[in-house]
Amino acid sequence: MSGYKFEEFMKHVYEQLGYSVYHTPKSGDQGADLILTSKEKKRIAVQVKRYSGKVSNSAVQEVVAAKGFYKCTEGIVVTNSYFTDSARQLAKANFIDLVDRNELEKMINTILS
């Protein structure tokens, strides 16, 4: 599955979880691949990373920038892999949620059950 196909997959996952989802353009996305809007009208910037290795803090930096650009109140980085310690530290300092492969599996199981 390509990175873009993984973004499309995550769009579907978040829609199934009840969010309205905007998929940003392939290029010039300003650090967010998806913009979620909850039923309560909360906007969330999401950076989607399909990696074989661990995701670094650059993904967190991207979603921090995207929060401001897209006027979001929250940010999430989601991956099919795991995060480096540096990414976890930066996410914690900036109130960014990290969804690794274990959390992603839980999300999918929620949809399937």
PDB file of N, CA and C in Angstrom:
ATOM      1  N   MET A   1       0.858  -1.180   0.000  1.00  0.00           N
ATOM      2  CA  MET A   1       0.000   0.000   0.000  1.00  0.00           C
ATOM      3  C   MET A   1       0.899   1.237   0.000  1.00  0.00           C
ATOM      4  N   SER A   2       0.629   2.156  -0.903  1.00  0.00           N
ATOM      5  CA  SER A   2       1.411   3.394  -0.975  1.00  0.00           C
ATOM      6  C   SER A   2       1.035   4.322   0.178  1.00  0.00           C
ATOM      7  N   GLY A   3       1.851   5.353   0.358  1.00  0.00           N
ATOM      8  CA  GLY A   3       1.550   6.346   1.387  1.00  0.00           C
ATOM      9  C   GLY A   3       0.205   7.012   1.150  1.00  0.00           C
ATOM     10  N   TYR A   4      -0.090   7.322  -0.125  1.00  0.00           N
ATOM     11  CA  TYR A   4      -1.362   7.975  -0.439  1.00  0.00           C
ATOM     12  C   TYR A   4      -2.540   7.035  -0.190  1.00  0.00           C
ATOM     13  N   LYS A   5      -2.376   5.768  -0.538  1.00  0.00           N
ATOM     14  CA  LYS A   5      -3.445   4.787  -0.280  1.00  0.00           C
ATOM     15  C   LYS A   5      -3.679   4.634   1.222  1.00  0.00           C
ATOM     16  N   PHE A   6      -2.596   4.722   2.009  1.00  0.00           N
ATOM     17  CA  PHE A   6      -2.745   4.651   3.462  1.00  0.00           C
ATOM     18  C   PHE A   6      -3.524   5.870   3.967  1.00  0.00           C
ATOM     19  N   GLU A   7      -3.275   7.035   3.383  1.00  0.00           N
ATOM     20  CA  GLU A   7      -4.055   8.234   3.731  1.00  0.00           C
ATOM     21  C   GLU A   7      -5.537   8.003   3.427  1.00  0.00           C
ATOM     22  N   GLU A   8      -5.831   7.444   2.253  1.00  0.00           N
ATOM     23  CA  GLU A   8      -7.223   7.172   1.888  1.00  0.00           C
ATOM     24  C   GLU A   8      -7.855   6.165   2.847  1.00  0.00           C
ATOM     25  N   PHE A   9      -7.076   5.160   3.243  1.00  0.00           N
ATOM     26  CA  PHE A   9      -7.556   4.172   4.210  1.00  0.00           C
ATOM     27  C   PHE A   9      -7.899   4.852   5.531  1.00  0.00           C
ATOM     28  N   MET A  10      -7.009   5.736   5.988  1.00  0.00           N
ATOM     29  CA  MET A  10      -7.251   6.430   7.258  1.00  0.00           C
ATOM     30  C   MET A  10      -8.452   7.368   7.148  1.00  0.00           C
ATOM     31  N   LYS A  11      -8.653   7.961   5.983  1.00  0.00           N
ATOM     32  CA  LYS A  11      -9.850   8.786   5.765  1.00  0.00           C
ATOM     33  C   LYS A  11     -11.091   7.937   6.020  1.00  0.00           C
ATOM     34  N   HIS A  12     -11.113   6.744   5.461  1.00  0.00           N
ATOM     35  CA  HIS A  12     -12.250   5.839   5.646  1.00  0.00           C
ATOM     36  C   HIS A  12     -12.401   5.441   7.117  1.00  0.00           C
ATOM     37  N   VAL A  13     -11.299   5.143   7.792  1.00  0.00           N
ATOM     38  CA  VAL A  13     -11.348   4.773   9.216  1.00  0.00           C
ATOM     39  C   VAL A  13     -11.986   5.895  10.027  1.00  0.00           C
ATOM     40  N   TYR A  14     -11.505   7.119   9.831  1.00  0.00           N
ATOM     41  CA  TYR A  14     -12.045   8.243  10.604  1.00  0.00           C
ATOM     42  C   TYR A  14     -13.512   8.528  10.258  1.00  0.00           C
ATOM     43  N   GLU A  15     -13.887   8.343   8.997  1.00  0.00           N
ATOM     44  CA  GLU A  15     -15.303   8.506   8.636  1.00  0.00           C
ATOM     45  C   GLU A  15     -16.162   7.478   9.371  1.00  0.00           C
ATOM     46  N   GLN A  16     -15.670   6.248   9.443  1.00  0.00           N
ATOM     47  CA  GLN A  16     -16.408   5.195  10.149  1.00  0.00           C
ATOM     48  C   GLN A  16     -16.511   5.487  11.645  1.00  0.00           C
ATOM     49  N   LEU A  17     -15.570   6.266  12.166  1.00  0.00           N
ATOM     50  CA  LEU A  17     -15.598   6.650  13.577  1.00  0.00           C
ATOM     51  C   LEU A  17     -16.458   7.897  13.819  1.00  0.00           C
ATOM     52  N   GLY A  18     -17.084   8.415  12.754  1.00  0.00           N
ATOM     53  CA  GLY A  18     -18.037   9.508  12.917  1.00  0.00           C
ATOM     54  C   GLY A  18     -17.541  10.899  12.575  1.00  0.00           C
ATOM     55  N   TYR A  19     -16.344  11.008  12.022  1.00  0.00           N
ATOM     56  CA  TYR A  19     -15.805  12.315  11.650  1.00  0.00           C
ATOM     57  C   TYR A  19     -16.155  12.659  10.210  1.00  0.00           C
ATOM     58  N   SER A  20     -16.292  13.947   9.953  1.00  0.00           N
ATOM     59  CA  SER A  20     -16.306  14.461   8.595  1.00  0.00           C
ATOM     60  C   SER A  20     -14.831  14.659   8.247  1.00  0.00           C
ATOM     61  N   VAL A  21     -14.399  14.192   7.067  1.00  0.00           N
ATOM     62  CA  VAL A  21     -12.969  14.190   6.752  1.00  0.00           C
ATOM     63  C   VAL A  21     -12.697  14.896   5.428  1.00  0.00           C
ATOM     64  N   TYR A  22     -11.753  15.836   5.470  1.00  0.00           N
ATOM     65  CA  TYR A  22     -11.253  16.499   4.266  1.00  0.00           C
ATOM     66  C   TYR A  22      -9.852  15.966   4.009  1.00  0.00           C
ATOM     67  N   HIS A  23      -9.624  15.413   2.812  1.00  0.00           N
ATOM     68  CA  HIS A  23      -8.306  14.915   2.420  1.00  0.00           C
ATOM     69  C   HIS A  23      -7.582  16.049   1.699  1.00  0.00           C
ATOM     70  N   THR A  24      -6.491  16.534   2.266  1.00  0.00           N
ATOM     71  CA  THR A  24      -5.767  17.670   1.700  1.00  0.00           C
ATOM     72  C   THR A  24      -5.098  17.274   0.382  1.00  0.00           C
ATOM     73  N   PRO A  25      -4.674  18.257  -0.424  1.00  0.00           N
ATOM     74  CA  PRO A  25      -4.010  17.940  -1.698  1.00  0.00           C
ATOM     75  C   PRO A  25      -2.731  17.129  -1.482  1.00  0.00           C
ATOM     76  N   LYS A  26      -2.358  16.358  -2.512  1.00  0.00           N
ATOM     77  CA  LYS A  26      -1.143  15.528  -2.418  1.00  0.00           C
ATOM     78  C   LYS A  26       0.097  16.373  -2.165  1.00  0.00           C
ATOM     79  N   SER A  27       0.183  17.528  -2.801  1.00  0.00           N
ATOM     80  CA  SER A  27       1.336  18.404  -2.573  1.00  0.00           C
ATOM     81  C   SER A  27       0.849  19.719  -1.984  1.00  0.00           C
ATOM     82  N   GLY A  28       1.693  20.342  -1.191  1.00  0.00           N
ATOM     83  CA  GLY A  28       1.333  21.606  -0.571  1.00  0.00           C
ATOM     84  C   GLY A  28       0.298  21.458   0.522  1.00  0.00           C
ATOM     85  N   ASP A  29       0.355  20.337   1.247  1.00  0.00           N
ATOM     86  CA  ASP A  29      -0.664  20.092   2.279  1.00  0.00           C
ATOM     87  C   ASP A  29      -0.406  20.827   3.589  1.00  0.00           C
ATOM     88  N   GLN A  30       0.723  21.529   3.666  1.00  0.00           N
ATOM     89  CA  GLN A  30       1.070  22.325   4.859  1.00  0.00           C
ATOM     90  C   GLN A  30       1.133  21.488   6.141  1.00  0.00           C
ATOM     91  N   GLY A  31       1.478  20.212   6.000  1.00  0.00           N
ATOM     92  CA  GLY A  31       1.724  19.379   7.170  1.00  0.00           C
ATOM     93  C   GLY A  31       0.581  18.514   7.634  1.00  0.00           C
ATOM     94  N   ALA A  32      -0.558  18.575   6.957  1.00  0.00           N
ATOM     95  CA  ALA A  32      -1.689  17.717   7.342  1.00  0.00           C
ATOM     96  C   ALA A  32      -2.183  16.959   6.116  1.00  0.00           C
ATOM     97  N   ASP A  33      -2.435  15.690   6.291  1.00  0.00           N
ATOM     98  CA  ASP A  33      -2.999  14.879   5.217  1.00  0.00           C
ATOM     99  C   ASP A  33      -4.516  14.844   5.286  1.00  0.00           C
ATOM    100  N   LEU A  34      -5.039  14.907   6.507  1.00  0.00           N
ATOM    101  CA  LEU A  34      -6.480  14.885   6.725  1.00  0.00           C
ATOM    102  C   LEU A  34      -6.860  15.980   7.709  1.00  0.00           C
ATOM    103  N   ILE A  35      -8.033  16.556   7.507  1.00  0.00           N
ATOM    104  CA  ILE A  35      -8.611  17.469   8.491  1.00  0.00           C
ATOM    105  C   ILE A  35      -9.930  16.843   8.931  1.00  0.00           C
ATOM    106  N   LEU A  36     -10.003  16.524  10.212  1.00  0.00           N
ATOM    107  CA  LEU A  36     -11.206  15.919  10.769  1.00  0.00           C
ATOM    108  C   LEU A  36     -12.070  17.000  11.397  1.00  0.00           C
ATOM    109  N   THR A  37     -13.364  16.835  11.282  1.00  0.00           N
ATOM    110  CA  THR A  37     -14.307  17.686  12.001  1.00  0.00           C
ATOM    111  C   THR A  37     -15.253  16.764  12.753  1.00  0.00           C
ATOM    112  N   SER A  38     -15.287  16.941  14.065  1.00  0.00           N
ATOM    113  CA  SER A  38     -16.152  16.101  14.899  1.00  0.00           C
ATOM    114  C   SER A  38     -17.582  16.616  14.849  1.00  0.00           C
ATOM    115  N   LYS A  39     -18.491  15.847  15.397  1.00  0.00           N
ATOM    116  CA  LYS A  39     -19.895  16.273  15.468  1.00  0.00           C
ATOM    117  C   LYS A  39     -20.038  17.551  16.276  1.00  0.00           C
ATOM    118  N   GLU A  40     -19.093  17.773  17.205  1.00  0.00           N
ATOM    119  CA  GLU A  40     -19.094  18.989  18.036  1.00  0.00           C
ATOM    120  C   GLU A  40     -18.380  20.142  17.339  1.00  0.00           C
ATOM    121  N   LYS A  41     -18.000  19.941  16.059  1.00  0.00           N
ATOM    122  CA  LYS A  41     -17.323  20.948  15.225  1.00  0.00           C
ATOM    123  C   LYS A  41     -15.875  21.205  15.643  1.00  0.00           C
ATOM    124  N   LYS A  42     -15.266  20.271  16.350  1.00  0.00           N
ATOM    125  CA  LYS A  42     -13.849  20.367  16.697  1.00  0.00           C
ATOM    126  C   LYS A  42     -13.036  19.967  15.464  1.00  0.00           C
ATOM    127  N   ARG A  43     -12.025  20.782  15.120  1.00  0.00           N
ATOM    128  CA  ARG A  43     -11.176  20.504  13.954  1.00  0.00           C
ATOM    129  C   ARG A  43      -9.848  19.914  14.402  1.00  0.00           C
ATOM    130  N   ILE A  44      -9.438  18.844  13.714  1.00  0.00           N
ATOM    131  CA  ILE A  44      -8.231  18.113  14.088  1.00  0.00           C
ATOM    132  C   ILE A  44      -7.376  17.893  12.847  1.00  0.00           C
ATOM    133  N   ALA A  45      -6.110  18.329  12.909  1.00  0.00           N
ATOM    134  CA  ALA A  45      -5.160  18.094  11.824  1.00  0.00           C
ATOM    135  C   ALA A  45      -4.517  16.725  12.029  1.00  0.00           C
ATOM    136  N   VAL A  46      -4.449  15.942  10.949  1.00  0.00           N
ATOM    137  CA  VAL A  46      -3.883  14.596  11.035  1.00  0.00           C
ATOM    138  C   VAL A  46      -2.773  14.434  10.007  1.00  0.00           C
ATOM    139  N   GLN A  47      -1.616  14.001  10.465  1.00  0.00           N
ATOM    140  CA  GLN A  47      -0.496  13.642   9.600  1.00  0.00           C
ATOM    141  C   GLN A  47      -0.446  12.119   9.573  1.00  0.00           C
ATOM    142  N   VAL A  48      -0.495  11.533   8.378  1.00  0.00           N
ATOM    143  CA  VAL A  48      -0.513  10.077   8.209  1.00  0.00           C
ATOM    144  C   VAL A  48       0.844   9.633   7.676  1.00  0.00           C
ATOM    145  N   LYS A  49       1.475   8.685   8.366  1.00  0.00           N
ATOM    146  CA  LYS A  49       2.799   8.210   7.964  1.00  0.00           C
ATOM    147  C   LYS A  49       2.803   6.697   7.808  1.00  0.00           C
ATOM    148  N   ARG A  50       3.046   6.240   6.599  1.00  0.00           N
ATOM    149  CA  ARG A  50       3.225   4.812   6.347  1.00  0.00           C
ATOM    150  C   ARG A  50       4.728   4.558   6.268  1.00  0.00           C
ATOM    151  N   TYR A  51       5.283   4.001   7.325  1.00  0.00           N
ATOM    152  CA  TYR A  51       6.733   3.805   7.427  1.00  0.00           C
ATOM    153  C   TYR A  51       7.052   2.365   7.782  1.00  0.00           C
ATOM    154  N   SER A  52       8.253   1.939   7.394  1.00  0.00           N
ATOM    155  CA  SER A  52       8.747   0.639   7.854  1.00  0.00           C
ATOM    156  C   SER A  52       9.564   0.825   9.128  1.00  0.00           C
ATOM    157  N   GLY A  53      10.172   2.003   9.293  1.00  0.00           N
ATOM    158  CA  GLY A  53      10.926   2.313  10.509  1.00  0.00           C
ATOM    159  C   GLY A  53      10.108   3.199  11.431  1.00  0.00           C
ATOM    160  N   LYS A  54      10.748   3.662  12.489  1.00  0.00           N
ATOM    161  CA  LYS A  54      10.050   4.528  13.445  1.00  0.00           C
ATOM    162  C   LYS A  54       9.867   5.937  12.876  1.00  0.00           C
ATOM    163  N   VAL A  55       8.768   6.558  13.247  1.00  0.00           N
ATOM    164  CA  VAL A  55       8.449   7.919  12.805  1.00  0.00           C
ATOM    165  C   VAL A  55       9.146   8.903  13.736  1.00  0.00           C
ATOM    166  N   SER A  56       9.849   9.876  13.147  1.00  0.00           N
ATOM    167  CA  SER A  56      10.633  10.836  13.928  1.00  0.00           C
ATOM    168  C   SER A  56       9.824  12.076  14.288  1.00  0.00           C
ATOM    169  N   ASN A  57      10.488  12.994  14.976  1.00  0.00           N
ATOM    170  CA  ASN A  57       9.804  14.208  15.430  1.00  0.00           C
ATOM    171  C   ASN A  57       9.436  15.156  14.285  1.00  0.00           C
ATOM    172  N   SER A  58       9.967  14.953  13.088  1.00  0.00           N
ATOM    173  CA  SER A  58       9.596  15.834  11.971  1.00  0.00           C
ATOM    174  C   SER A  58       8.100  15.722  11.658  1.00  0.00           C
ATOM    175  N   ALA A  59       7.522  14.545  11.830  1.00  0.00           N
ATOM    176  CA  ALA A  59       6.077  14.381  11.605  1.00  0.00           C
ATOM    177  C   ALA A  59       5.280  15.182  12.624  1.00  0.00           C
ATOM    178  N   VAL A  60       5.773  15.236  13.843  1.00  0.00           N
ATOM    179  CA  VAL A  60       5.113  16.024  14.890  1.00  0.00           C
ATOM    180  C   VAL A  60       5.224  17.506  14.551  1.00  0.00           C
ATOM    181  N   GLN A  61       6.404  17.936  14.097  1.00  0.00           N
ATOM    182  CA  GLN A  61       6.596  19.330  13.706  1.00  0.00           C
ATOM    183  C   GLN A  61       5.628  19.714  12.587  1.00  0.00           C
ATOM    184  N   GLU A  62       5.432  18.810  11.639  1.00  0.00           N
ATOM    185  CA  GLU A  62       4.525  19.077  10.525  1.00  0.00           C
ATOM    186  C   GLU A  62       3.096  19.304  11.008  1.00  0.00           C
ATOM    187  N   VAL A  63       2.624  18.449  11.904  1.00  0.00           N
ATOM    188  CA  VAL A  63       1.236  18.582  12.349  1.00  0.00           C
ATOM    189  C   VAL A  63       1.060  19.784  13.278  1.00  0.00           C
ATOM    190  N   VAL A  64       2.107  20.164  14.005  1.00  0.00           N
ATOM    191  CA  VAL A  64       2.041  21.385  14.820  1.00  0.00           C
ATOM    192  C   VAL A  64       1.831  22.590  13.896  1.00  0.00           C
ATOM    193  N   ALA A  65       2.576  22.634  12.792  1.00  0.00           N
ATOM    194  CA  ALA A  65       2.412  23.723  11.824  1.00  0.00           C
ATOM    195  C   ALA A  65       1.027  23.680  11.178  1.00  0.00           C
ATOM    196  N   ALA A  66       0.563  22.490  10.866  1.00  0.00           N
ATOM    197  CA  ALA A  66      -0.740  22.335  10.213  1.00  0.00           C
ATOM    198  C   ALA A  66      -1.885  22.790  11.105  1.00  0.00           C
ATOM    199  N   LYS A  67      -1.757  22.584  12.404  1.00  0.00           N
ATOM    200  CA  LYS A  67      -2.812  23.025  13.327  1.00  0.00           C
ATOM    201  C   LYS A  67      -3.099  24.505  13.142  1.00  0.00           C
ATOM    202  N   GLY A  68      -2.048  25.305  13.078  1.00  0.00           N
ATOM    203  CA  GLY A  68      -2.223  26.743  12.887  1.00  0.00           C
ATOM    204  C   GLY A  68      -2.749  27.084  11.508  1.00  0.00           C
ATOM    205  N   PHE A  69      -2.189  26.454  10.494  1.00  0.00           N
ATOM    206  CA  PHE A  69      -2.577  26.753   9.118  1.00  0.00           C
ATOM    207  C   PHE A  69      -4.053  26.449   8.865  1.00  0.00           C
ATOM    208  N   TYR A  70      -4.518  25.309   9.371  1.00  0.00           N
ATOM    209  CA  TYR A  70      -5.904  24.880   9.138  1.00  0.00           C
ATOM    210  C   TYR A  70      -6.864  25.266  10.267  1.00  0.00           C
ATOM    211  N   LYS A  71      -6.363  26.068  11.208  1.00  0.00           N
ATOM    212  CA  LYS A  71      -7.186  26.536  12.340  1.00  0.00           C
ATOM    213  C   LYS A  71      -7.823  25.375  13.108  1.00  0.00           C
ATOM    214  N   CYS A  72      -6.969  24.412  13.466  1.00  0.00           N
ATOM    215  CA  CYS A  72      -7.408  23.236  14.210  1.00  0.00           C
ATOM    216  C   CYS A  72      -7.069  23.399  15.689  1.00  0.00           C
ATOM    217  N   THR A  73      -7.831  22.755  16.526  1.00  0.00           N
ATOM    218  CA  THR A  73      -7.579  22.806  17.969  1.00  0.00           C
ATOM    219  C   THR A  73      -6.762  21.618  18.446  1.00  0.00           C
ATOM    220  N   GLU A  74      -6.668  20.580  17.618  1.00  0.00           N
ATOM    221  CA  GLU A  74      -5.923  19.384  17.997  1.00  0.00           C
ATOM    222  C   GLU A  74      -5.122  18.869  16.818  1.00  0.00           C
ATOM    223  N   GLY A  75      -4.143  18.022  17.128  1.00  0.00           N
ATOM    224  CA  GLY A  75      -3.338  17.394  16.092  1.00  0.00           C
ATOM    225  C   GLY A  75      -3.066  15.943  16.429  1.00  0.00           C
ATOM    226  N   ILE A  76      -2.974  15.125  15.386  1.00  0.00           N
ATOM    227  CA  ILE A  76      -2.704  13.696  15.536  1.00  0.00           C
ATOM    228  C   ILE A  76      -1.689  13.288  14.478  1.00  0.00           C
ATOM    229  N   VAL A  77      -0.740  12.437  14.868  1.00  0.00           N
ATOM    230  CA  VAL A  77       0.107  11.751  13.898  1.00  0.00           C
ATOM    231  C   VAL A  77      -0.237  10.274  14.011  1.00  0.00           C
ATOM    232  N   VAL A  78      -0.596   9.670  12.892  1.00  0.00           N
ATOM    233  CA  VAL A  78      -0.961   8.250  12.882  1.00  0.00           C
ATOM    234  C   VAL A  78      -0.014   7.497  11.958  1.00  0.00           C
ATOM    235  N   THR A  79       0.416   6.321  12.398  1.00  0.00           N
ATOM    236  CA  THR A  79       1.343   5.525  11.606  1.00  0.00           C
ATOM    237  C   THR A  79       1.025   4.041  11.703  1.00  0.00           C
ATOM    238  N   ASN A  80       1.488   3.314  10.712  1.00  0.00           N
ATOM    239  CA  ASN A  80       1.412   1.860  10.735  1.00  0.00           C
ATOM    240  C   ASN A  80       2.623   1.282  11.470  1.00  0.00           C
ATOM    241  N   SER A  81       3.463   2.149  11.991  1.00  0.00           N
ATOM    242  CA  SER A  81       4.703   1.755  12.653  1.00  0.00           C
ATOM    243  C   SER A  81       4.691   2.248  14.101  1.00  0.00           C
ATOM    244  N   TYR A  82       5.835   2.724  14.559  1.00  0.00           N
ATOM    245  CA  TYR A  82       5.987   3.236  15.924  1.00  0.00           C
ATOM    246  C   TYR A  82       6.694   4.586  15.871  1.00  0.00           C
ATOM    247  N   PHE A  83       6.860   5.234  17.021  1.00  0.00           N
ATOM    248  CA  PHE A  83       7.471   6.560  17.107  1.00  0.00           C
ATOM    249  C   PHE A  83       8.794   6.512  17.859  1.00  0.00           C
ATOM    250  N   THR A  84       9.699   7.410  17.487  1.00  0.00           N
ATOM    251  CA  THR A  84      10.948   7.547  18.233  1.00  0.00           C
ATOM    252  C   THR A  84      10.656   8.213  19.574  1.00  0.00           C
ATOM    253  N   ASP A  85      11.585   8.080  20.504  1.00  0.00           N
ATOM    254  CA  ASP A  85      11.436   8.753  21.797  1.00  0.00           C
ATOM    255  C   ASP A  85      11.357  10.265  21.607  1.00  0.00           C
ATOM    256  N   SER A  86      12.153  10.783  20.672  1.00  0.00           N
ATOM    257  CA  SER A  86      12.154  12.220  20.389  1.00  0.00           C
ATOM    258  C   SER A  86      10.774  12.683  19.906  1.00  0.00           C
ATOM    259  N   ALA A  87      10.146  11.892  19.054  1.00  0.00           N
ATOM    260  CA  ALA A  87       8.801  12.238  18.569  1.00  0.00           C
ATOM    261  C   ALA A  87       7.808  12.242  19.725  1.00  0.00           C
ATOM    262  N   ARG A  88       7.928  11.281  20.615  1.00  0.00           N
ATOM    263  CA  ARG A  88       7.022  11.204  21.773  1.00  0.00           C
ATOM    264  C   ARG A  88       7.201  12.422  22.684  1.00  0.00           C
ATOM    265  N   GLN A  89       8.440  12.824  22.898  1.00  0.00           N
ATOM    266  CA  GLN A  89       8.716  13.987  23.754  1.00  0.00           C
ATOM    267  C   GLN A  89       8.133  15.258  23.142  1.00  0.00           C
ATOM    268  N   LEU A  90       8.366  15.457  21.852  1.00  0.00           N
ATOM    269  CA  LEU A  90       7.865  16.659  21.180  1.00  0.00           C
ATOM    270  C   LEU A  90       6.333  16.666  21.136  1.00  0.00           C
ATOM    271  N   ALA A  91       5.743  15.519  20.894  1.00  0.00           N
ATOM    272  CA  ALA A  91       4.278  15.428  20.872  1.00  0.00           C
ATOM    273  C   ALA A  91       3.696  15.783  22.234  1.00  0.00           C
ATOM    274  N   LYS A  92       4.301  15.275  23.280  1.00  0.00           N
ATOM    275  CA  LYS A  92       3.811  15.565  24.629  1.00  0.00           C
ATOM    276  C   LYS A  92       3.897  17.058  24.924  1.00  0.00           C
ATOM    277  N   ALA A  93       5.008  17.686  24.542  1.00  0.00           N
ATOM    278  CA  ALA A  93       5.210  19.113  24.799  1.00  0.00           C
ATOM    279  C   ALA A  93       4.228  19.988  24.019  1.00  0.00           C
ATOM    280  N   ASN A  94       3.735  19.473  22.889  1.00  0.00           N
ATOM    281  CA  ASN A  94       2.835  20.250  22.026  1.00  0.00           C
ATOM    282  C   ASN A  94       1.396  19.732  22.019  1.00  0.00           C
ATOM    283  N   PHE A  95       1.092  18.815  22.926  1.00  0.00           N
ATOM    284  CA  PHE A  95      -0.269  18.271  23.052  1.00  0.00           C
ATOM    285  C   PHE A  95      -0.768  17.642  21.747  1.00  0.00           C
ATOM    286  N   ILE A  96       0.119  16.885  21.103  1.00  0.00           N
ATOM    287  CA  ILE A  96      -0.214  16.162  19.877  1.00  0.00           C
ATOM    288  C   ILE A  96      -0.427  14.694  20.238  1.00  0.00           C
ATOM    289  N   ASP A  97      -1.506  14.115  19.763  1.00  0.00           N
ATOM    290  CA  ASP A  97      -1.772  12.693  20.002  1.00  0.00           C
ATOM    291  C   ASP A  97      -1.021  11.849  18.982  1.00  0.00           C
ATOM    292  N   LEU A  98      -0.442  10.760  19.452  1.00  0.00           N
ATOM    293  CA  LEU A  98       0.259   9.828  18.580  1.00  0.00           C
ATOM    294  C   LEU A  98      -0.513   8.518  18.528  1.00  0.00           C
ATOM    295  N   VAL A  99      -0.745   8.033  17.316  1.00  0.00           N
ATOM    296  CA  VAL A  99      -1.436   6.762  17.108  1.00  0.00           C
ATOM    297  C   VAL A  99      -0.466   5.829  16.394  1.00  0.00           C
ATOM    298  N   ASP A 100       0.069   4.856  17.138  1.00  0.00           N
ATOM    299  CA  ASP A 100       0.982   3.895  16.530  1.00  0.00           C
ATOM    300  C   ASP A 100       0.204   2.675  16.050  1.00  0.00           C
ATOM    301  N   ARG A 101       0.915   1.667  15.555  1.00  0.00           N
ATOM    302  CA  ARG A 101       0.241   0.508  14.968  1.00  0.00           C
ATOM    303  C   ARG A 101      -0.652  -0.216  15.966  1.00  0.00           C
ATOM    304  N   ASN A 102      -0.287  -0.214  17.253  1.00  0.00           N
ATOM    305  CA  ASN A 102      -1.120  -0.871  18.262  1.00  0.00           C
ATOM    306  C   ASN A 102      -2.441  -0.123  18.453  1.00  0.00           C
ATOM    307  N   GLU A 103      -2.350   1.215  18.545  1.00  0.00           N
ATOM    308  CA  GLU A 103      -3.560   2.030  18.688  1.00  0.00           C
ATOM    309  C   GLU A 103      -4.410   1.972  17.418  1.00  0.00           C
ATOM    310  N   LEU A 104      -3.742   1.933  16.274  1.00  0.00           N
ATOM    311  CA  LEU A 104      -4.454   1.836  15.000  1.00  0.00           C
ATOM    312  C   LEU A 104      -5.250   0.530  14.934  1.00  0.00           C
ATOM    313  N   GLU A 105      -4.643  -0.537  15.390  1.00  0.00           N
ATOM    314  CA  GLU A 105      -5.338  -1.828  15.418  1.00  0.00           C
ATOM    315  C   GLU A 105      -6.592  -1.749  16.294  1.00  0.00           C
ATOM    316  N   LYS A 106      -6.485  -1.068  17.427  1.00  0.00           N
ATOM    317  CA  LYS A 106      -7.648  -0.890  18.310  1.00  0.00           C
ATOM    318  C   LYS A 106      -8.748  -0.090  17.610  1.00  0.00           C
ATOM    319  N   MET A 107      -8.346   0.960  16.875  1.00  0.00           N
ATOM    320  CA  MET A 107      -9.328   1.768  16.145  1.00  0.00           C
ATOM    321  C   MET A 107     -10.080   0.909  15.129  1.00  0.00           C
ATOM    322  N   ILE A 108      -9.333   0.101  14.391  1.00  0.00           N
ATOM    323  CA  ILE A 108      -9.941  -0.748  13.366  1.00  0.00           C
ATOM    324  C   ILE A 108     -10.863  -1.782  14.010  1.00  0.00           C
ATOM    325  N   ASN A 109     -10.429  -2.354  15.118  1.00  0.00           N
ATOM    326  CA  ASN A 109     -11.267  -3.337  15.816  1.00  0.00           C
ATOM    327  C   ASN A 109     -12.562  -2.713  16.323  1.00  0.00           C
ATOM    328  N   THR A 110     -12.505  -1.435  16.718  1.00  0.00           N
ATOM    329  CA  THR A 110     -13.710  -0.721  17.152  1.00  0.00           C
ATOM    330  C   THR A 110     -14.720  -0.646  16.009  1.00  0.00           C
ATOM    331  N   ILE A 111     -14.223  -0.380  14.816  1.00  0.00           N
ATOM    332  CA  ILE A 111     -15.094  -0.287  13.643  1.00  0.00           C
ATOM    333  C   ILE A 111     -15.692  -1.654  13.304  1.00  0.00           C
ATOM    334  N   LEU A 112     -14.872  -2.684  13.407  1.00  0.00           N
ATOM    335  CA  LEU A 112     -15.307  -4.020  13.006  1.00  0.00           C
ATOM    336  C   LEU A 112     -16.236  -4.692  14.008  1.00  0.00           C
ATOM    337  N   SER A 113     -16.214  -4.211  15.251  1.00  0.00           N
ATOM    338  CA  SER A 113     -17.045  -4.890  16.264  1.00  0.00           C
ATOM    339  C   SER A 113     -18.427  -4.281  16.390  1.00  0.00           C
TER     340      SER A 113
END
